Every structure is written in structure tokens, then in C-alpha cells.
Protein backbone atom coordinates (compact mmCIF):
# COMPACT_ATOMS: atom_id res chain seq x y z
CA MET A 1 1.03 44.94 -89.72
CA THR A 2 -1.00 45.74 -86.14
CA ALA A 3 -2.01 48.86 -84.69
CA VAL A 4 -1.24 49.81 -81.48
CA VAL A 5 -4.78 51.31 -79.60
CA THR A 6 -4.02 53.28 -77.22
CA ALA A 7 -6.64 53.55 -74.10
CA ARG A 8 -7.85 57.03 -73.09
CA PRO A 9 -8.90 57.68 -69.21
CA ARG A 10 -12.81 57.99 -69.00
CA VAL A 11 -13.59 61.37 -68.14
CA GLN A 12 -16.38 61.84 -65.88
CA PRO A 13 -19.30 63.61 -66.90
CA ALA A 14 -19.78 67.07 -65.53
CA SER A 15 -23.02 65.95 -63.64
CA GLY A 16 -21.86 62.64 -62.38
CA ARG A 17 -19.33 64.89 -60.20
CA GLY A 18 -22.25 66.90 -59.37
CA ARG A 19 -24.23 64.51 -58.52
CA ARG A 20 -21.66 62.63 -56.02
CA ALA A 21 -20.75 66.20 -54.10
CA LEU A 22 -24.69 66.86 -53.53
CA VAL A 23 -25.06 63.23 -52.34
CA TRP A 24 -21.32 64.25 -49.87
CA ILE A 25 -23.08 67.45 -48.32
CA ALA A 26 -26.26 65.53 -48.11
CA GLU A 27 -25.06 62.92 -45.85
CA HIS A 28 -22.54 65.40 -44.07
CA ALA A 29 -25.47 67.69 -43.68
CA ALA A 30 -25.16 67.95 -39.88
CA LEU A 31 -21.91 67.84 -39.43
CA VAL A 32 -21.28 71.00 -42.16
CA ALA A 33 -23.84 72.53 -40.15
CA LEU A 34 -22.52 71.93 -36.59
CA ALA A 35 -18.96 73.13 -38.27
CA VAL A 36 -20.46 76.57 -39.32
CA LEU A 37 -21.88 77.17 -36.03
CA ALA A 38 -18.42 76.13 -34.30
CA LEU A 39 -16.36 78.39 -36.60
CA ALA A 40 -18.33 81.41 -37.10
CA PRO A 41 -18.00 83.04 -33.46
CA VAL A 42 -14.18 82.08 -34.38
CA VAL A 43 -14.18 84.17 -37.64
CA PHE A 44 -16.39 87.13 -35.81
CA VAL A 45 -13.94 87.49 -32.43
CA VAL A 46 -10.89 87.22 -35.53
CA LEU A 47 -12.48 89.63 -37.41
CA THR A 48 -13.73 92.04 -35.18
CA SER A 49 -10.21 92.24 -33.54
CA LEU A 50 -8.83 93.73 -37.03
CA MET A 51 -11.12 96.47 -37.45
CA THR A 52 -10.96 99.97 -35.90
CA SER A 53 -13.15 100.95 -33.26
CA GLN A 54 -15.28 102.98 -35.26
CA GLN A 55 -16.52 99.90 -37.56
CA ALA A 56 -16.66 97.20 -34.60
CA LEU A 57 -20.22 95.51 -34.36
CA THR A 58 -21.39 97.73 -36.81
CA ALA A 59 -23.15 96.08 -40.13
CA SER A 60 -19.34 95.09 -41.82
CA ILE A 61 -18.61 91.91 -41.66
CA ILE A 62 -15.57 92.56 -43.53
CA PRO A 63 -12.52 94.82 -42.02
CA LYS A 64 -12.70 98.25 -44.62
CA VAL A 65 -8.97 98.37 -42.98
CA TRP A 66 -7.24 96.30 -41.29
CA ASP A 67 -5.44 97.19 -38.08
CA TRP A 68 -3.21 94.68 -37.25
CA GLY A 69 -2.21 97.92 -34.10
CA ASN A 70 -5.09 96.50 -31.88
CA TYR A 71 -2.60 93.29 -30.90
CA VAL A 72 0.29 96.38 -29.76
CA ARG A 73 -1.91 98.35 -28.14
CA VAL A 74 -3.78 95.23 -26.06
CA PHE A 75 0.11 95.05 -25.08
CA ARG A 76 0.33 98.40 -24.04
CA THR A 77 -3.16 99.15 -22.24
CA VAL A 78 -2.97 96.16 -19.63
CA PRO A 79 -0.16 94.34 -17.84
CA LEU A 80 -1.27 91.12 -20.29
CA ALA A 81 2.60 89.59 -19.66
CA GLN A 82 2.28 89.29 -15.58
CA TRP A 83 -1.40 88.21 -16.34
CA PHE A 84 -0.09 85.32 -18.11
CA GLY A 85 2.65 84.32 -15.60
CA ASN A 86 -0.50 84.57 -12.94
CA SER A 87 -2.54 81.91 -15.19
CA ALA A 88 0.64 79.60 -16.17
CA LEU A 89 1.64 79.58 -12.19
CA TYR A 90 -2.42 79.24 -11.50
CA ALA A 91 -2.60 76.13 -14.07
CA VAL A 92 1.05 74.41 -14.26
CA LEU A 93 1.44 74.27 -10.64
CA SER A 94 -2.35 72.97 -9.65
CA THR A 95 -1.93 70.35 -12.61
CA VAL A 96 1.51 69.33 -11.62
CA PHE A 97 0.34 68.94 -7.59
CA MET A 98 -3.63 67.24 -8.79
CA LEU A 99 -0.90 64.30 -10.98
CA VAL A 100 1.37 63.98 -7.77
CA SER A 101 -1.86 63.99 -5.42
CA SER A 102 -4.71 62.18 -7.55
CA VAL A 103 -2.97 59.61 -9.29
CA PRO A 104 -2.19 57.32 -6.51
CA ALA A 105 -5.71 57.60 -5.16
CA ALA A 106 -7.22 56.50 -8.21
CA TYR A 107 -5.03 53.50 -8.63
CA ALA A 108 -5.79 52.23 -4.73
CA LEU A 109 -9.57 52.88 -5.82
CA ALA A 110 -9.47 51.13 -9.28
CA THR A 111 -6.65 48.30 -8.37
CA VAL A 112 -6.31 47.70 -4.16
CA ARG A 113 -9.18 45.86 -2.64
CA PHE A 114 -9.78 47.28 1.19
CA ARG A 115 -12.84 47.80 3.12
CA GLY A 116 -14.99 51.24 2.39
CA ALA A 117 -13.48 51.21 -1.12
CA GLY A 118 -16.95 51.67 -2.27
CA LEU A 119 -17.91 54.10 0.10
CA LEU A 120 -14.84 56.06 -0.66
CA PHE A 121 -15.54 56.65 -3.85
CA THR A 122 -19.32 57.60 -3.47
CA ALA A 123 -17.82 60.23 -1.34
CA ILE A 124 -15.83 61.51 -4.26
CA VAL A 125 -18.84 60.78 -6.56
CA VAL A 126 -20.83 63.34 -4.00
CA ALA A 127 -17.65 66.35 -3.78
CA MET A 128 -17.47 65.94 -7.90
CA LEU A 129 -21.06 66.97 -8.19
CA LEU A 130 -21.30 69.09 -5.40
CA PRO A 131 -21.22 72.88 -6.37
CA PRO A 132 -18.42 75.41 -5.24
CA GLN A 133 -20.35 77.86 -4.05
CA VAL A 134 -22.01 75.61 -1.50
CA THR A 135 -18.31 75.48 0.05
CA ALA A 136 -17.30 79.05 -0.57
CA VAL A 137 -18.40 80.82 2.38
CA PRO A 138 -16.26 78.49 4.85
CA VAL A 139 -13.64 77.76 2.18
CA TYR A 140 -12.91 81.56 1.97
CA VAL A 141 -12.95 81.69 5.83
CA PHE A 142 -10.36 79.23 6.41
CA TRP A 143 -7.64 80.92 3.57
CA SER A 144 -8.02 84.21 5.02
CA GLN A 145 -7.24 83.34 8.17
CA LEU A 146 -3.95 81.76 6.92
CA HIS A 147 -3.94 85.08 5.62
CA LEU A 148 -3.68 84.08 2.24
CA THR A 149 -6.87 85.94 0.15
CA GLY A 150 -5.54 87.93 -2.52
CA THR A 151 -2.85 85.47 -4.28
CA LEU A 152 -3.80 82.05 -6.05
CA TRP A 153 -2.65 79.76 -3.31
CA PRO A 154 -6.16 79.39 -2.13
CA LEU A 155 -6.70 77.46 -5.38
CA ILE A 156 -3.87 76.40 -5.88
CA LEU A 157 -3.30 74.17 -3.10
CA PRO A 158 -6.22 72.25 -2.72
CA ASN A 159 -5.05 70.41 -5.33
CA LEU A 160 -2.50 68.56 -3.27
CA LEU A 161 -5.35 67.04 -1.24
CA GLY A 162 -6.54 65.11 -4.74
CA ASP A 163 -9.19 66.65 -7.34
CA ALA A 164 -12.83 64.91 -7.33
CA PHE A 165 -13.37 64.53 -11.49
CA SER A 166 -9.55 63.85 -11.63
CA ILE A 167 -9.40 61.20 -9.40
CA PHE A 168 -13.06 59.64 -11.19
CA LEU A 169 -11.58 59.58 -14.68
CA MET A 170 -8.10 58.42 -14.48
CA ARG A 171 -10.05 55.90 -11.58
CA GLN A 172 -12.04 54.49 -15.11
CA PHE A 173 -9.39 54.41 -16.92
CA PHE A 174 -6.71 52.20 -14.81
CA LEU A 175 -9.95 49.43 -14.63
CA THR A 176 -9.50 49.02 -18.31
CA LEU A 177 -5.89 48.14 -17.90
CA PRO A 178 -4.98 43.89 -18.08
CA ALA A 179 -4.74 43.26 -14.47
CA GLU A 180 -2.28 40.21 -15.54
CA PHE A 181 0.71 42.87 -16.02
CA ALA A 182 0.46 44.09 -12.33
CA ASP A 183 -0.49 40.73 -11.05
CA ALA A 184 3.46 40.12 -12.79
CA ALA A 185 4.93 42.66 -11.33
CA ARG A 186 3.69 41.53 -7.83
CA VAL A 187 5.01 37.87 -8.62
CA ASP A 188 8.33 39.75 -9.23
CA GLY A 189 8.66 41.68 -5.81
CA CYS A 190 7.38 44.86 -7.11
CA GLY A 191 5.14 46.58 -3.97
CA GLU A 192 2.25 48.57 -5.04
CA TRP A 193 3.80 51.42 -5.55
CA GLY A 194 6.76 49.44 -7.85
CA VAL A 195 3.67 48.40 -9.52
CA LEU A 196 2.22 52.16 -9.94
CA TRP A 197 5.43 53.73 -11.14
CA ARG A 198 6.60 50.97 -13.50
CA VAL A 199 3.91 49.13 -15.16
CA VAL A 200 0.55 51.20 -14.93
CA LEU A 201 1.59 54.64 -15.56
CA PRO A 202 3.82 53.68 -18.85
CA MET A 203 0.53 52.25 -20.13
CA ALA A 204 -1.71 54.93 -18.64
CA ARG A 205 -0.77 57.52 -19.82
CA PRO A 206 -3.43 58.54 -22.40
CA GLY A 207 -5.79 59.03 -19.40
CA ILE A 208 -3.52 60.55 -17.62
CA ALA A 209 -2.93 63.43 -19.85
CA ALA A 210 -6.57 63.65 -20.55
CA ALA A 211 -7.47 63.98 -16.55
CA ALA A 212 -3.85 66.76 -16.49
CA ILE A 213 -5.29 68.40 -19.92
CA PHE A 214 -9.52 68.68 -18.02
CA LEU A 215 -7.34 70.19 -15.39
CA PHE A 216 -5.48 72.99 -17.17
CA PHE A 217 -7.96 74.47 -18.46
CA ASN A 218 -10.16 74.36 -15.94
CA SER A 219 -7.43 76.19 -14.41
CA TRP A 220 -6.57 78.56 -17.43
CA ASN A 221 -10.17 79.48 -18.44
CA ASP A 222 -10.80 79.90 -14.56
CA TYR A 223 -13.07 83.27 -13.02
CA TYR A 224 -15.16 82.69 -9.84
CA GLY A 225 -11.87 81.60 -8.22
CA PRO A 226 -10.10 84.21 -9.10
CA LEU A 227 -12.99 86.70 -8.54
CA LEU A 228 -13.42 85.32 -5.01
CA TYR A 229 -9.51 85.43 -3.93
CA THR A 230 -7.80 87.90 -6.22
CA SER A 231 -10.17 90.49 -7.05
CA GLU A 232 -8.54 92.76 -4.66
CA ASN A 233 -4.83 92.66 -5.54
CA SER A 234 -4.08 92.79 -9.75
CA ALA A 235 -0.98 91.59 -9.55
CA SER A 236 -2.38 88.14 -8.67
CA TRP A 237 -5.09 88.13 -11.56
CA PRO A 238 -5.03 85.62 -13.95
CA ILE A 239 -5.71 86.01 -17.98
CA ALA A 240 -9.78 85.08 -17.66
CA TYR A 241 -10.24 87.34 -14.52
CA GLY A 242 -8.22 90.29 -16.02
CA LEU A 243 -9.85 89.84 -19.60
CA ALA A 244 -13.69 90.33 -17.72
CA THR A 245 -12.05 93.21 -16.15
CA PHE A 246 -10.87 94.95 -19.05
CA ARG A 247 -14.06 94.39 -20.53
CA GLY A 248 -15.76 96.23 -18.22
CA VAL A 249 -13.32 98.89 -18.30
CA HIS A 250 -12.80 99.28 -22.70
CA GLY A 251 -16.48 97.30 -23.18
CA THR A 252 -16.92 99.97 -25.74
CA ASP A 253 -13.77 99.79 -27.99
CA TRP A 254 -14.78 96.09 -29.12
CA SER A 255 -11.53 95.79 -31.91
CA ILE A 256 -9.30 96.08 -28.41
CA THR A 257 -11.46 93.81 -26.34
CA MET A 258 -11.70 91.30 -29.60
CA ALA A 259 -7.65 91.41 -30.33
CA MET A 260 -7.46 90.52 -25.82
CA THR A 261 -9.45 87.32 -26.80
CA VAL A 262 -7.30 86.03 -29.49
CA ILE A 263 -4.06 86.65 -27.79
CA ILE A 264 -5.95 84.56 -24.77
CA THR A 265 -6.81 81.15 -27.02
CA ILE A 266 -4.20 80.57 -28.94
CA PRO A 267 -2.36 79.66 -26.06
CA VAL A 268 -5.15 77.11 -25.43
CA VAL A 269 -5.19 76.37 -28.83
CA VAL A 270 -1.73 75.38 -29.27
CA ILE A 271 -1.97 73.34 -26.60
CA PHE A 272 -4.37 71.37 -27.25
CA PHE A 273 -3.23 71.09 -30.98
CA PHE A 274 -0.01 68.99 -29.38
CA ALA A 275 -2.08 67.05 -26.86
CA GLN A 276 -5.42 66.04 -29.26
CA LYS A 277 -4.10 62.44 -29.41
CA ALA A 278 -3.94 61.33 -26.15
CA PHE A 279 -6.79 62.93 -25.28
CA VAL A 280 -9.12 62.27 -27.59
CA GLU A 281 -7.60 58.68 -26.55
CA GLY A 282 -7.47 58.80 -23.11
CA ILE A 283 -11.63 59.78 -23.40
CA ALA A 284 -12.58 57.08 -26.05
CA LEU A 285 -10.77 54.22 -23.42
CA THR A 286 -12.47 55.93 -20.32
CA GLY A 287 -15.39 54.89 -18.74
CA VAL A 288 -15.53 51.30 -20.42
CA LYS A 289 -15.53 49.51 -16.83
CA GLY A 290 -17.73 50.53 -13.53
């Protein structure tokens, strides 16, 4: 009679598992340190937003009393819904206007050969590098003569003329697309608008999405522009300028200030969470060609 020997799974010694954990930590020490540095301010803001006003910014890190009412008091203290609406109007319209004007411009600079294209692209790069403070005075005088100061329109309407950084980013992405597809569409009788709409845009979605996300976040977080044009009209304040004003008035009540900061950050985090795939892909494929 033959005895059946059952093989037992080999149990790895605890010392071996500990050694592998130490090796993993050593290999990823820099990434772990960067992750801790990035998450520490976020954790601090969230924990402070749940403290009472007496405990905020003291030696205690963990709230002794979890005060969730700070988030309710924010909506009672300031017109947060109105500020959110102004920021949404500013960010969405700026992004849409940028796409309408900048996508054709980037396509023309990337694929259409015409005299002066290099000079025009150089001018766009110079405009991208030019600080906004250089042109602030003449541009403000222009909008004041049109009686649009005190509103967000001086920040929204210029995107109808294109955004230098978005044109540069999308042009670099368009250069990475295979030219054979556009040439085949031209042979079939498509004009340049047809090639752009039917061939280039479906392939260029990651690059366009990256440019749109960049401009959306830049508009949502903009402080200098609203400070310049809407400071005298509180009804037009976006969320970034409203937060700065709120902090100046309620600077001693840091728990409510941090609660408002958390509320403002949530939409940006949610949008980036759903759009991160297209954003990362667009950035990874941009700039391969010059």
C-alpha cells in the first residue's frame, strides 16, 4: 500500500518578509518621502478644518472635538454658491472659447505650410513667456473704456483670440500625429476644415484634453485677474479671490478658513480624478517633435 504524501505550502520566515519590506522601502524611499511631503499639508488642512476655533493652530494635531459644523458655517458666512457659480462661468467659458480659437490655430501651425509660419510661432512663444503684469495697465484701460471692468468678461473674452500656451501645447501634439491620415483625407476631397474635424480631432483628443484641463484649472485658481478687474464688485468674485478676502476678514478663525479651503479643493480633485488618463496621455505625447 502506497502512502500519499501531501505537500505542505512553504511558509516564508518572518525574517525574510521583513527583509523584503526593508528592501522595498529602501528602493522607494525617495518616492515615499515625496508622497509624505505632498500629503502632509492636505492632512493638516483637513484636520484643522474639523477643529474648534480654540484648538486650531495649537500644538494639537488631532482634533479633540470633531467639529463638522465648520462646513455648515462656511455657507452661512459667505455667498459660497455665488462664488462657485462665478468660478464655473469663468473657467468653463474660458475653456470653450480657447478651444474654439486655439485648436484651428495650432492645427494650422503644425500642418499647413505658409510663409511666416515660423515667425508667427515665435511670436506665440514670446507671448507665452511675457508676464501679464507687463501689459496690465494698457489692457485695463482698454477694458475700462468698454465699461467691462467689475466683471469677469475681461478675463473670459480674450480667449476668443486664442491662448498662447494652449496653442503651443496642441501644436506640439499635432506634430506627433501621422501625416498619412490627413493626406489620405485630402486625396478623398476633404478640405482643411474637414481634415481637422474628421481626422485630426478624433486622434488629438488627449492633447486637446490636456490643454483644456490646464486652462480650466488656471482659470479656476486665478487670483491676479479677478483682483485686477472684479475687486470693486463682490457679485463677480470667483472662488479664489473670495477665499483670499474671506481669509483677510476671518483670519483668526482658521478652522472655518480651512473648511472653506477643503470645499474649494473638492471640485478640482474630482475633475482631475476623472480626466487624469487623458491628461497624462496628452502630456506624455506632447513635445516629442519640435
